[in-house]
Amino acid sequence: MFVNQASFEGDKANEAKIIAKMKKTFAELQDVSGLISSECWKKEKNDVVEYSIVTKWTAKQDFIAWLSREEHVNEHKEMNKQRKQGISENPSMKKTITQYEEVEIANL
């Protein structure tokens, strides 16, 4: 099994943008091959909010296939292009990715 956690953190003033990102990602996770489960978690502290999407996959290759889909790659290409041209605004959220692969304790 493979687990991916994508966390998006920002000021409470930007919470609506983070929520929009969560909803978009969850919509893209419908009927995906190899996806076991997906959950959204929230953490708040003072004026900072963090949302994490935790997905569990049958194998890392299934996650990579989902991540490598054409619309996702093109979205990132366009964001990078806008950033280089000075068109996009400063990021309103910080993104952190954490990944784990399941291990059998007996095999350690």
PDB file of N, CA and C in Angstrom:
ATOM      1  N   MET A   1       0.842  -1.173   0.000  1.00  0.00           N
ATOM      2  CA  MET A   1       0.000   0.000   0.000  1.00  0.00           C
ATOM      3  C   MET A   1       0.887   1.236   0.000  1.00  0.00           C
ATOM      4  N   PHE A   2       0.368   2.317  -0.577  1.00  0.00           N
ATOM      5  CA  PHE A   2       1.073   3.593  -0.659  1.00  0.00           C
ATOM      6  C   PHE A   2       0.133   4.681  -0.161  1.00  0.00           C
ATOM      7  N   VAL A   3       0.673   5.605   0.662  1.00  0.00           N
ATOM      8  CA  VAL A   3      -0.127   6.700   1.214  1.00  0.00           C
ATOM      9  C   VAL A   3       0.511   8.022   0.813  1.00  0.00           C
ATOM     10  N   ASN A   4      -0.320   8.927   0.332  1.00  0.00           N
ATOM     11  CA  ASN A   4       0.128  10.279  -0.014  1.00  0.00           C
ATOM     12  C   ASN A   4      -0.680  11.276   0.815  1.00  0.00           C
ATOM     13  N   GLN A   5       0.006  12.239   1.395  1.00  0.00           N
ATOM     14  CA  GLN A   5      -0.647  13.311   2.140  1.00  0.00           C
ATOM     15  C   GLN A   5      -0.216  14.633   1.524  1.00  0.00           C
ATOM     16  N   ALA A   6      -1.181  15.374   1.006  1.00  0.00           N
ATOM     17  CA  ALA A   6      -0.928  16.704   0.453  1.00  0.00           C
ATOM     18  C   ALA A   6      -1.579  17.717   1.387  1.00  0.00           C
ATOM     19  N   SER A   7      -0.763  18.573   2.000  1.00  0.00           N
ATOM     20  CA  SER A   7      -1.260  19.560   2.958  1.00  0.00           C
ATOM     21  C   SER A   7      -1.134  20.953   2.369  1.00  0.00           C
ATOM     22  N   PHE A   8      -2.170  21.749   2.587  1.00  0.00           N
ATOM     23  CA  PHE A   8      -2.216  23.126   2.110  1.00  0.00           C
ATOM     24  C   PHE A   8      -2.499  24.018   3.308  1.00  0.00           C
ATOM     25  N   GLU A   9      -1.563  24.921   3.601  1.00  0.00           N
ATOM     26  CA  GLU A   9      -1.635  25.760   4.794  1.00  0.00           C
ATOM     27  C   GLU A   9      -1.631  27.225   4.382  1.00  0.00           C
ATOM     28  N   GLY A  10      -2.443  28.025   5.069  1.00  0.00           N
ATOM     29  CA  GLY A  10      -2.465  29.456   4.789  1.00  0.00           C
ATOM     30  C   GLY A  10      -3.184  30.222   5.877  1.00  0.00           C
ATOM     31  N   ASP A  11      -3.198  31.527   5.716  1.00  0.00           N
ATOM     32  CA  ASP A  11      -3.926  32.378   6.657  1.00  0.00           C
ATOM     33  C   ASP A  11      -5.417  32.087   6.548  1.00  0.00           C
ATOM     34  N   LYS A  12      -6.128  32.283   7.663  1.00  0.00           N
ATOM     35  CA  LYS A  12      -7.582  32.076   7.661  1.00  0.00           C
ATOM     36  C   LYS A  12      -8.252  32.917   6.576  1.00  0.00           C
ATOM     37  N   ALA A  13      -7.665  34.068   6.255  1.00  0.00           N
ATOM     38  CA  ALA A  13      -8.236  34.928   5.216  1.00  0.00           C
ATOM     39  C   ALA A  13      -8.247  34.242   3.852  1.00  0.00           C
ATOM     40  N   ASN A  14      -7.381  33.271   3.653  1.00  0.00           N
ATOM     41  CA  ASN A  14      -7.293  32.535   2.382  1.00  0.00           C
ATOM     42  C   ASN A  14      -7.961  31.161   2.448  1.00  0.00           C
ATOM     43  N   GLU A  15      -8.722  30.900   3.499  1.00  0.00           N
ATOM     44  CA  GLU A  15      -9.319  29.579   3.684  1.00  0.00           C
ATOM     45  C   GLU A  15     -10.229  29.188   2.514  1.00  0.00           C
ATOM     46  N   ALA A  16     -10.954  30.136   1.958  1.00  0.00           N
ATOM     47  CA  ALA A  16     -11.857  29.813   0.839  1.00  0.00           C
ATOM     48  C   ALA A  16     -11.078  29.261  -0.360  1.00  0.00           C
ATOM     49  N   LYS A  17      -9.894  29.793  -0.633  1.00  0.00           N
ATOM     50  CA  LYS A  17      -9.061  29.296  -1.738  1.00  0.00           C
ATOM     51  C   LYS A  17      -8.588  27.871  -1.453  1.00  0.00           C
ATOM     52  N   ILE A  18      -8.236  27.617  -0.201  1.00  0.00           N
ATOM     53  CA  ILE A  18      -7.778  26.273   0.168  1.00  0.00           C
ATOM     54  C   ILE A  18      -8.934  25.282   0.056  1.00  0.00           C
ATOM     55  N   ILE A  19     -10.105  25.675   0.516  1.00  0.00           N
ATOM     56  CA  ILE A  19     -11.279  24.800   0.426  1.00  0.00           C
ATOM     57  C   ILE A  19     -11.606  24.512  -1.039  1.00  0.00           C
ATOM     58  N   ALA A  20     -11.503  25.512  -1.893  1.00  0.00           N
ATOM     59  CA  ALA A  20     -11.754  25.301  -3.324  1.00  0.00           C
ATOM     60  C   ALA A  20     -10.779  24.271  -3.889  1.00  0.00           C
ATOM     61  N   LYS A  21      -9.520  24.330  -3.467  1.00  0.00           N
ATOM     62  CA  LYS A  21      -8.513  23.358  -3.901  1.00  0.00           C
ATOM     63  C   LYS A  21      -8.886  21.957  -3.418  1.00  0.00           C
ATOM     64  N   MET A  22      -9.347  21.846  -2.172  1.00  0.00           N
ATOM     65  CA  MET A  22      -9.738  20.540  -1.629  1.00  0.00           C
ATOM     66  C   MET A  22     -10.895  19.954  -2.441  1.00  0.00           C
ATOM     67  N   LYS A  23     -11.901  20.764  -2.715  1.00  0.00           N
ATOM     68  CA  LYS A  23     -13.066  20.282  -3.466  1.00  0.00           C
ATOM     69  C   LYS A  23     -12.676  19.852  -4.877  1.00  0.00           C
ATOM     70  N   LYS A  24     -11.813  20.614  -5.529  1.00  0.00           N
ATOM     71  CA  LYS A  24     -11.353  20.282  -6.880  1.00  0.00           C
ATOM     72  C   LYS A  24     -10.613  18.944  -6.873  1.00  0.00           C
ATOM     73  N   THR A  25      -9.708  18.779  -5.911  1.00  0.00           N
ATOM     74  CA  THR A  25      -8.934  17.537  -5.834  1.00  0.00           C
ATOM     75  C   THR A  25      -9.852  16.353  -5.563  1.00  0.00           C
ATOM     76  N   PHE A  26     -10.804  16.500  -4.637  1.00  0.00           N
ATOM     77  CA  PHE A  26     -11.712  15.394  -4.331  1.00  0.00           C
ATOM     78  C   PHE A  26     -12.549  15.016  -5.543  1.00  0.00           C
ATOM     79  N   ALA A  27     -12.958  15.992  -6.330  1.00  0.00           N
ATOM     80  CA  ALA A  27     -13.715  15.695  -7.547  1.00  0.00           C
ATOM     81  C   ALA A  27     -12.862  14.894  -8.528  1.00  0.00           C
ATOM     82  N   GLU A  28     -11.571  15.178  -8.579  1.00  0.00           N
ATOM     83  CA  GLU A  28     -10.659  14.478  -9.483  1.00  0.00           C
ATOM     84  C   GLU A  28     -10.330  13.064  -9.003  1.00  0.00           C
ATOM     85  N   LEU A  29     -10.674  12.746  -7.778  1.00  0.00           N
ATOM     86  CA  LEU A  29     -10.376  11.428  -7.215  1.00  0.00           C
ATOM     87  C   LEU A  29     -11.526  10.430  -7.399  1.00  0.00           C
ATOM     88  N   GLN A  30     -12.559  10.803  -8.098  1.00  0.00           N
ATOM     89  CA  GLN A  30     -13.702   9.914  -8.289  1.00  0.00           C
ATOM     90  C   GLN A  30     -13.358   8.801  -9.279  1.00  0.00           C
ATOM     91  N   ASP A  31     -13.631   7.559  -8.883  1.00  0.00           N
ATOM     92  CA  ASP A  31     -13.472   6.388  -9.753  1.00  0.00           C
ATOM     93  C   ASP A  31     -12.066   6.246 -10.333  1.00  0.00           C
ATOM     94  N   VAL A  32     -11.050   6.464  -9.500  1.00  0.00           N
ATOM     95  CA  VAL A  32      -9.662   6.352  -9.938  1.00  0.00           C
ATOM     96  C   VAL A  32      -9.155   4.935  -9.654  1.00  0.00           C
ATOM     97  N   SER A  33      -8.532   4.338 -10.648  1.00  0.00           N
ATOM     98  CA  SER A  33      -7.989   2.992 -10.516  1.00  0.00           C
ATOM     99  C   SER A  33      -6.895   2.943  -9.452  1.00  0.00           C
ATOM    100  N   GLY A  34      -6.998   1.992  -8.545  1.00  0.00           N
ATOM    101  CA  GLY A  34      -5.985   1.788  -7.517  1.00  0.00           C
ATOM    102  C   GLY A  34      -6.183   2.597  -6.252  1.00  0.00           C
ATOM    103  N   LEU A  35      -7.147   3.521  -6.252  1.00  0.00           N
ATOM    104  CA  LEU A  35      -7.403   4.330  -5.055  1.00  0.00           C
ATOM    105  C   LEU A  35      -8.232   3.527  -4.064  1.00  0.00           C
ATOM    106  N   ILE A  36      -7.722   3.386  -2.848  1.00  0.00           N
ATOM    107  CA  ILE A  36      -8.425   2.648  -1.805  1.00  0.00           C
ATOM    108  C   ILE A  36      -9.350   3.583  -1.033  1.00  0.00           C
ATOM    109  N   SER A  37      -8.817   4.740  -0.645  1.00  0.00           N
ATOM    110  CA  SER A  37      -9.633   5.696   0.114  1.00  0.00           C
ATOM    111  C   SER A  37      -9.022   7.085   0.025  1.00  0.00           C
ATOM    112  N   SER A  38      -9.851   8.083   0.338  1.00  0.00           N
ATOM    113  CA  SER A  38      -9.379   9.465   0.403  1.00  0.00           C
ATOM    114  C   SER A  38     -10.122  10.167   1.530  1.00  0.00           C
ATOM    115  N   GLU A  39      -9.388  10.978   2.277  1.00  0.00           N
ATOM    116  CA  GLU A  39      -9.947  11.694   3.419  1.00  0.00           C
ATOM    117  C   GLU A  39      -9.405  13.114   3.431  1.00  0.00           C
ATOM    118  N   CYS A  40     -10.182  14.025   4.010  1.00  0.00           N
ATOM    119  CA  CYS A  40      -9.731  15.399   4.174  1.00  0.00           C
ATOM    120  C   CYS A  40      -9.675  15.704   5.671  1.00  0.00           C
ATOM    121  N   TRP A  41      -8.575  16.286   6.108  1.00  0.00           N
ATOM    122  CA  TRP A  41      -8.351  16.612   7.508  1.00  0.00           C
ATOM    123  C   TRP A  41      -8.096  18.113   7.640  1.00  0.00           C
ATOM    124  N   LYS A  42      -8.496  18.674   8.766  1.00  0.00           N
ATOM    125  CA  LYS A  42      -8.330  20.107   9.001  1.00  0.00           C
ATOM    126  C   LYS A  42      -7.642  20.347  10.328  1.00  0.00           C
ATOM    127  N   LYS A  43      -6.759  21.365  10.345  1.00  0.00           N
ATOM    128  CA  LYS A  43      -6.080  21.773  11.579  1.00  0.00           C
ATOM    129  C   LYS A  43      -6.060  23.296  11.609  1.00  0.00           C
ATOM    130  N   GLU A  44      -6.397  23.852  12.753  1.00  0.00           N
ATOM    131  CA  GLU A  44      -6.374  25.307  12.919  1.00  0.00           C
ATOM    132  C   GLU A  44      -5.513  25.665  14.125  1.00  0.00           C
ATOM    133  N   LYS A  45      -4.781  26.754  13.981  1.00  0.00           N
ATOM    134  CA  LYS A  45      -4.025  27.293  15.102  1.00  0.00           C
ATOM    135  C   LYS A  45      -3.905  28.790  14.890  1.00  0.00           C
ATOM    136  N   ASN A  46      -4.448  29.536  15.819  1.00  0.00           N
ATOM    137  CA  ASN A  46      -4.474  30.999  15.730  1.00  0.00           C
ATOM    138  C   ASN A  46      -5.107  31.418  14.403  1.00  0.00           C
ATOM    139  N   ASP A  47      -4.385  32.144  13.566  1.00  0.00           N
ATOM    140  CA  ASP A  47      -4.922  32.629  12.293  1.00  0.00           C
ATOM    141  C   ASP A  47      -4.474  31.785  11.106  1.00  0.00           C
ATOM    142  N   VAL A  48      -4.005  30.568  11.380  1.00  0.00           N
ATOM    143  CA  VAL A  48      -3.521  29.685  10.315  1.00  0.00           C
ATOM    144  C   VAL A  48      -4.425  28.455  10.244  1.00  0.00           C
ATOM    145  N   VAL A  49      -4.750  28.082   9.014  1.00  0.00           N
ATOM    146  CA  VAL A  49      -5.569  26.893   8.788  1.00  0.00           C
ATOM    147  C   VAL A  49      -4.816  25.969   7.834  1.00  0.00           C
ATOM    148  N   GLU A  50      -4.946  24.669   8.057  1.00  0.00           N
ATOM    149  CA  GLU A  50      -4.305  23.673   7.199  1.00  0.00           C
ATOM    150  C   GLU A  50      -5.307  22.579   6.881  1.00  0.00           C
ATOM    151  N   TYR A  51      -5.393  22.250   5.608  1.00  0.00           N
ATOM    152  CA  TYR A  51      -6.208  21.134   5.162  1.00  0.00           C
ATOM    153  C   TYR A  51      -5.273  20.115   4.527  1.00  0.00           C
ATOM    154  N   SER A  52      -5.505  18.845   4.842  1.00  0.00           N
ATOM    155  CA  SER A  52      -4.696  17.762   4.267  1.00  0.00           C
ATOM    156  C   SER A  52      -5.607  16.754   3.596  1.00  0.00           C
ATOM    157  N   ILE A  53      -5.203  16.351   2.411  1.00  0.00           N
ATOM    158  CA  ILE A  53      -5.880  15.249   1.736  1.00  0.00           C
ATOM    159  C   ILE A  53      -4.970  14.035   1.869  1.00  0.00           C
ATOM    160  N   VAL A  54      -5.503  12.995   2.480  1.00  0.00           N
ATOM    161  CA  VAL A  54      -4.760  11.752   2.660  1.00  0.00           C
ATOM    162  C   VAL A  54      -5.392  10.706   1.749  1.00  0.00           C
ATOM    163  N   THR A  55      -4.590  10.178   0.838  1.00  0.00           N
ATOM    164  CA  THR A  55      -5.078   9.144  -0.070  1.00  0.00           C
ATOM    165  C   THR A  55      -4.290   7.860   0.145  1.00  0.00           C
ATOM    166  N   LYS A  56      -5.002   6.741   0.080  1.00  0.00           N
ATOM    167  CA  LYS A  56      -4.376   5.423   0.205  1.00  0.00           C
ATOM    168  C   LYS A  56      -4.572   4.704  -1.126  1.00  0.00           C
ATOM    169  N   TRP A  57      -3.467   4.136  -1.618  1.00  0.00           N
ATOM    170  CA  TRP A  57      -3.443   3.521  -2.938  1.00  0.00           C
ATOM    171  C   TRP A  57      -2.986   2.068  -2.835  1.00  0.00           C
ATOM    172  N   THR A  58      -3.426   1.266  -3.765  1.00  0.00           N
ATOM    173  CA  THR A  58      -2.983  -0.129  -3.823  1.00  0.00           C
ATOM    174  C   THR A  58      -1.473  -0.187  -4.005  1.00  0.00           C
ATOM    175  N   ALA A  59      -0.947   0.684  -4.883  1.00  0.00           N
ATOM    176  CA  ALA A  59       0.494   0.718  -5.158  1.00  0.00           C
ATOM    177  C   ALA A  59       0.900   2.139  -5.541  1.00  0.00           C
ATOM    178  N   LYS A  60       2.173   2.454  -5.364  1.00  0.00           N
ATOM    179  CA  LYS A  60       2.697   3.769  -5.721  1.00  0.00           C
ATOM    180  C   LYS A  60       2.466   4.072  -7.204  1.00  0.00           C
ATOM    181  N   GLN A  61       2.547   3.062  -8.036  1.00  0.00           N
ATOM    182  CA  GLN A  61       2.359   3.242  -9.474  1.00  0.00           C
ATOM    183  C   GLN A  61       0.953   3.773  -9.786  1.00  0.00           C
ATOM    184  N   ASP A  62      -0.046   3.366  -9.000  1.00  0.00           N
ATOM    185  CA  ASP A  62      -1.410   3.868  -9.200  1.00  0.00           C
ATOM    186  C   ASP A  62      -1.478   5.370  -8.909  1.00  0.00           C
ATOM    187  N   PHE A  63      -0.819   5.797  -7.848  1.00  0.00           N
ATOM    188  CA  PHE A  63      -0.776   7.217  -7.514  1.00  0.00           C
ATOM    189  C   PHE A  63      -0.060   7.990  -8.618  1.00  0.00           C
ATOM    190  N   ILE A  64       1.074   7.490  -9.071  1.00  0.00           N
ATOM    191  CA  ILE A  64       1.847   8.169 -10.116  1.00  0.00           C
ATOM    192  C   ILE A  64       1.024   8.279 -11.404  1.00  0.00           C
ATOM    193  N   ALA A  65       0.278   7.243 -11.733  1.00  0.00           N
ATOM    194  CA  ALA A  65      -0.564   7.285 -12.937  1.00  0.00           C
ATOM    195  C   ALA A  65      -1.624   8.382 -12.799  1.00  0.00           C
ATOM    196  N   TRP A  66      -2.236   8.496 -11.629  1.00  0.00           N
ATOM    197  CA  TRP A  66      -3.245   9.540 -11.407  1.00  0.00           C
ATOM    198  C   TRP A  66      -2.596  10.918 -11.475  1.00  0.00           C
ATOM    199  N   LEU A  67      -1.441  11.065 -10.853  1.00  0.00           N
ATOM    200  CA  LEU A  67      -0.738  12.342 -10.826  1.00  0.00           C
ATOM    201  C   LEU A  67      -0.248  12.744 -12.218  1.00  0.00           C
ATOM    202  N   SER A  68       0.060  11.778 -13.051  1.00  0.00           N
ATOM    203  CA  SER A  68       0.631  12.030 -14.376  1.00  0.00           C
ATOM    204  C   SER A  68      -0.418  12.252 -15.458  1.00  0.00           C
ATOM    205  N   ARG A  69      -1.690  12.285 -15.102  1.00  0.00           N
ATOM    206  CA  ARG A  69      -2.721  12.474 -16.121  1.00  0.00           C
ATOM    207  C   ARG A  69      -2.546  13.836 -16.798  1.00  0.00           C
ATOM    208  N   GLU A  70      -2.916  13.892 -18.046  1.00  0.00           N
ATOM    209  CA  GLU A  70      -2.635  15.045 -18.897  1.00  0.00           C
ATOM    210  C   GLU A  70      -3.166  16.360 -18.322  1.00  0.00           C
ATOM    211  N   GLU A  71      -4.394  16.372 -17.827  1.00  0.00           N
ATOM    212  CA  GLU A  71      -4.968  17.628 -17.318  1.00  0.00           C
ATOM    213  C   GLU A  71      -4.207  18.158 -16.105  1.00  0.00           C
ATOM    214  N   HIS A  72      -3.696  17.262 -15.270  1.00  0.00           N
ATOM    215  CA  HIS A  72      -2.931  17.685 -14.090  1.00  0.00           C
ATOM    216  C   HIS A  72      -1.576  18.269 -14.505  1.00  0.00           C
ATOM    217  N   VAL A  73      -0.900  17.594 -15.405  1.00  0.00           N
ATOM    218  CA  VAL A  73       0.404  18.063 -15.889  1.00  0.00           C
ATOM    219  C   VAL A  73       0.251  19.426 -16.570  1.00  0.00           C
ATOM    220  N   ASN A  74      -0.771  19.572 -17.407  1.00  0.00           N
ATOM    221  CA  ASN A  74      -0.992  20.835 -18.105  1.00  0.00           C
ATOM    222  C   ASN A  74      -1.323  21.972 -17.142  1.00  0.00           C
ATOM    223  N   GLU A  75      -2.068  21.673 -16.095  1.00  0.00           N
ATOM    224  CA  GLU A  75      -2.399  22.681 -15.079  1.00  0.00           C
ATOM    225  C   GLU A  75      -1.129  23.226 -14.435  1.00  0.00           C
ATOM    226  N   HIS A  76      -0.201  22.352 -14.101  1.00  0.00           N
ATOM    227  CA  HIS A  76       1.054  22.778 -13.478  1.00  0.00           C
ATOM    228  C   HIS A  76       1.949  23.526 -14.472  1.00  0.00           C
ATOM    229  N   LYS A  77       1.949  23.094 -15.725  1.00  0.00           N
ATOM    230  CA  LYS A  77       2.715  23.810 -16.746  1.00  0.00           C
ATOM    231  C   LYS A  77       2.215  25.239 -16.873  1.00  0.00           C
ATOM    232  N   GLU A  78       0.895  25.417 -16.893  1.00  0.00           N
ATOM    233  CA  GLU A  78       0.303  26.750 -17.026  1.00  0.00           C
ATOM    234  C   GLU A  78       0.621  27.614 -15.800  1.00  0.00           C
ATOM    235  N   MET A  79       0.550  27.036 -14.610  1.00  0.00           N
ATOM    236  CA  MET A  79       0.882  27.792 -13.390  1.00  0.00           C
ATOM    237  C   MET A  79       2.337  28.248 -13.431  1.00  0.00           C
ATOM    238  N   ASN A  80       3.249  27.371 -13.837  1.00  0.00           N
ATOM    239  CA  ASN A  80       4.673  27.721 -13.922  1.00  0.00           C
ATOM    240  C   ASN A  80       4.910  28.803 -14.970  1.00  0.00           C
ATOM    241  N   LYS A  81       4.221  28.700 -16.099  1.00  0.00           N
ATOM    242  CA  LYS A  81       4.345  29.697 -17.162  1.00  0.00           C
ATOM    243  C   LYS A  81       3.895  31.071 -16.648  1.00  0.00           C
ATOM    244  N   GLN A  82       2.759  31.114 -15.966  1.00  0.00           N
ATOM    245  CA  GLN A  82       2.249  32.378 -15.422  1.00  0.00           C
ATOM    246  C   GLN A  82       3.188  32.949 -14.366  1.00  0.00           C
ATOM    247  N   ARG A  83       3.755  32.074 -13.560  1.00  0.00           N
ATOM    248  CA  ARG A  83       4.691  32.521 -12.530  1.00  0.00           C
ATOM    249  C   ARG A  83       5.921  33.172 -13.162  1.00  0.00           C
ATOM    250  N   LYS A  84       6.454  32.537 -14.205  1.00  0.00           N
ATOM    251  CA  LYS A  84       7.637  33.068 -14.899  1.00  0.00           C
ATOM    252  C   LYS A  84       7.346  34.397 -15.584  1.00  0.00           C
ATOM    253  N   GLN A  85       6.126  34.568 -16.059  1.00  0.00           N
ATOM    254  CA  GLN A  85       5.742  35.800 -16.746  1.00  0.00           C
ATOM    255  C   GLN A  85       5.288  36.887 -15.778  1.00  0.00           C
ATOM    256  N   GLY A  86       5.230  36.559 -14.493  1.00  0.00           N
ATOM    257  CA  GLY A  86       4.806  37.528 -13.493  1.00  0.00           C
ATOM    258  C   GLY A  86       3.311  37.784 -13.500  1.00  0.00           C
ATOM    259  N   ILE A  87       2.561  36.879 -14.105  1.00  0.00           N
ATOM    260  CA  ILE A  87       1.109  37.036 -14.200  1.00  0.00           C
ATOM    261  C   ILE A  87       0.411  36.572 -12.931  1.00  0.00           C
ATOM    262  N   SER A  88       0.885  35.475 -12.356  1.00  0.00           N
ATOM    263  CA  SER A  88       0.200  34.907 -11.195  1.00  0.00           C
ATOM    264  C   SER A  88       0.538  35.681  -9.931  1.00  0.00           C
ATOM    265  N   GLU A  89      -0.410  35.650  -9.009  1.00  0.00           N
ATOM    266  CA  GLU A  89      -0.203  36.319  -7.726  1.00  0.00           C
ATOM    267  C   GLU A  89       0.672  35.450  -6.832  1.00  0.00           C
ATOM    268  N   ASN A  90       1.153  36.031  -5.757  1.00  0.00           N
ATOM    269  CA  ASN A  90       1.942  35.251  -4.804  1.00  0.00           C
ATOM    270  C   ASN A  90       1.082  34.126  -4.243  1.00  0.00           C
ATOM    271  N   PRO A  91       1.675  32.990  -3.988  1.00  0.00           N
ATOM    272  CA  PRO A  91       0.901  31.873  -3.456  1.00  0.00           C
ATOM    273  C   PRO A  91       0.201  32.256  -2.154  1.00  0.00           C
ATOM    274  N   SER A  92      -1.058  31.851  -2.050  1.00  0.00           N
ATOM    275  CA  SER A  92      -1.821  32.147  -0.841  1.00  0.00           C
ATOM    276  C   SER A  92      -1.803  30.965   0.113  1.00  0.00           C
ATOM    277  N   MET A  93      -1.069  29.911  -0.270  1.00  0.00           N
ATOM    278  CA  MET A  93      -0.990  28.728   0.576  1.00  0.00           C
ATOM    279  C   MET A  93       0.355  28.037   0.390  1.00  0.00           C
ATOM    280  N   LYS A  94       0.755  27.338   1.421  1.00  0.00           N
ATOM    281  CA  LYS A  94       1.994  26.544   1.386  1.00  0.00           C
ATOM    282  C   LYS A  94       1.585  25.085   1.211  1.00  0.00           C
ATOM    283  N   LYS A  95       2.246  24.404   0.288  1.00  0.00           N
ATOM    284  CA  LYS A  95       1.941  23.000   0.008  1.00  0.00           C
ATOM    285  C   LYS A  95       3.067  22.121   0.529  1.00  0.00           C
ATOM    286  N   THR A  96       2.686  21.052   1.226  1.00  0.00           N
ATOM    287  CA  THR A  96       3.648  20.071   1.725  1.00  0.00           C
ATOM    288  C   THR A  96       3.159  18.679   1.342  1.00  0.00           C
ATOM    289  N   ILE A  97       4.046  17.885   0.784  1.00  0.00           N
ATOM    290  CA  ILE A  97       3.717  16.509   0.392  1.00  0.00           C
ATOM    291  C   ILE A  97       4.492  15.542   1.292  1.00  0.00           C
ATOM    292  N   THR A  98       3.776  14.556   1.813  1.00  0.00           N
ATOM    293  CA  THR A  98       4.395  13.495   2.612  1.00  0.00           C
ATOM    294  C   THR A  98       3.900  12.164   2.049  1.00  0.00           C
ATOM    295  N   GLN A  99       4.828  11.222   1.849  1.00  0.00           N
ATOM    296  CA  GLN A  99       4.456   9.937   1.279  1.00  0.00           C
ATOM    297  C   GLN A  99       5.042   8.795   2.088  1.00  0.00           C
ATOM    298  N   TYR A 100       4.286   7.694   2.113  1.00  0.00           N
ATOM    299  CA  TYR A 100       4.704   6.509   2.855  1.00  0.00           C
ATOM    300  C   TYR A 100       4.412   5.263   2.039  1.00  0.00           C
ATOM    301  N   GLU A 101       5.292   4.281   2.167  1.00  0.00           N
ATOM    302  CA  GLU A 101       5.042   2.966   1.607  1.00  0.00           C
ATOM    303  C   GLU A 101       4.938   1.984   2.759  1.00  0.00           C
ATOM    304  N   GLU A 102       3.959   1.117   2.687  1.00  0.00           N
ATOM    305  CA  GLU A 102       3.729   0.147   3.754  1.00  0.00           C
ATOM    306  C   GLU A 102       4.882  -0.852   3.814  1.00  0.00           C
ATOM    307  N   VAL A 103       5.277  -1.182   5.032  1.00  0.00           N
ATOM    308  CA  VAL A 103       6.292  -2.221   5.239  1.00  0.00           C
ATOM    309  C   VAL A 103       5.757  -3.238   6.250  1.00  0.00           C
ATOM    310  N   GLU A 104       6.182  -4.432   6.082  1.00  0.00           N
ATOM    311  CA  GLU A 104       5.841  -5.479   7.046  1.00  0.00           C
ATOM    312  C   GLU A 104       6.861  -5.454   8.167  1.00  0.00           C
ATOM    313  N   ILE A 105       6.430  -5.279   9.386  1.00  0.00           N
ATOM    314  CA  ILE A 105       7.342  -5.194  10.544  1.00  0.00           C
ATOM    315  C   ILE A 105       8.227  -6.450  10.608  1.00  0.00           C
ATOM    316  N   ALA A 106       7.665  -7.601  10.297  1.00  0.00           N
ATOM    317  CA  ALA A 106       8.439  -8.841  10.346  1.00  0.00           C
ATOM    318  C   ALA A 106       9.608  -8.829   9.362  1.00  0.00           C
ATOM    319  N   ASN A 107       9.505  -8.013   8.308  1.00  0.00           N
ATOM    320  CA  ASN A 107      10.555  -7.971   7.298  1.00  0.00           C
ATOM    321  C   ASN A 107      11.629  -6.937   7.585  1.00  0.00           C
ATOM    322  N   LEU A 108      11.504  -6.213   8.687  1.00  0.00           N
ATOM    323  CA  LEU A 108      12.503  -5.197   9.030  1.00  0.00           C
ATOM    324  C   LEU A 108      13.693  -5.797   9.728  1.00  0.00           C
TER     325      LEU A 108
END
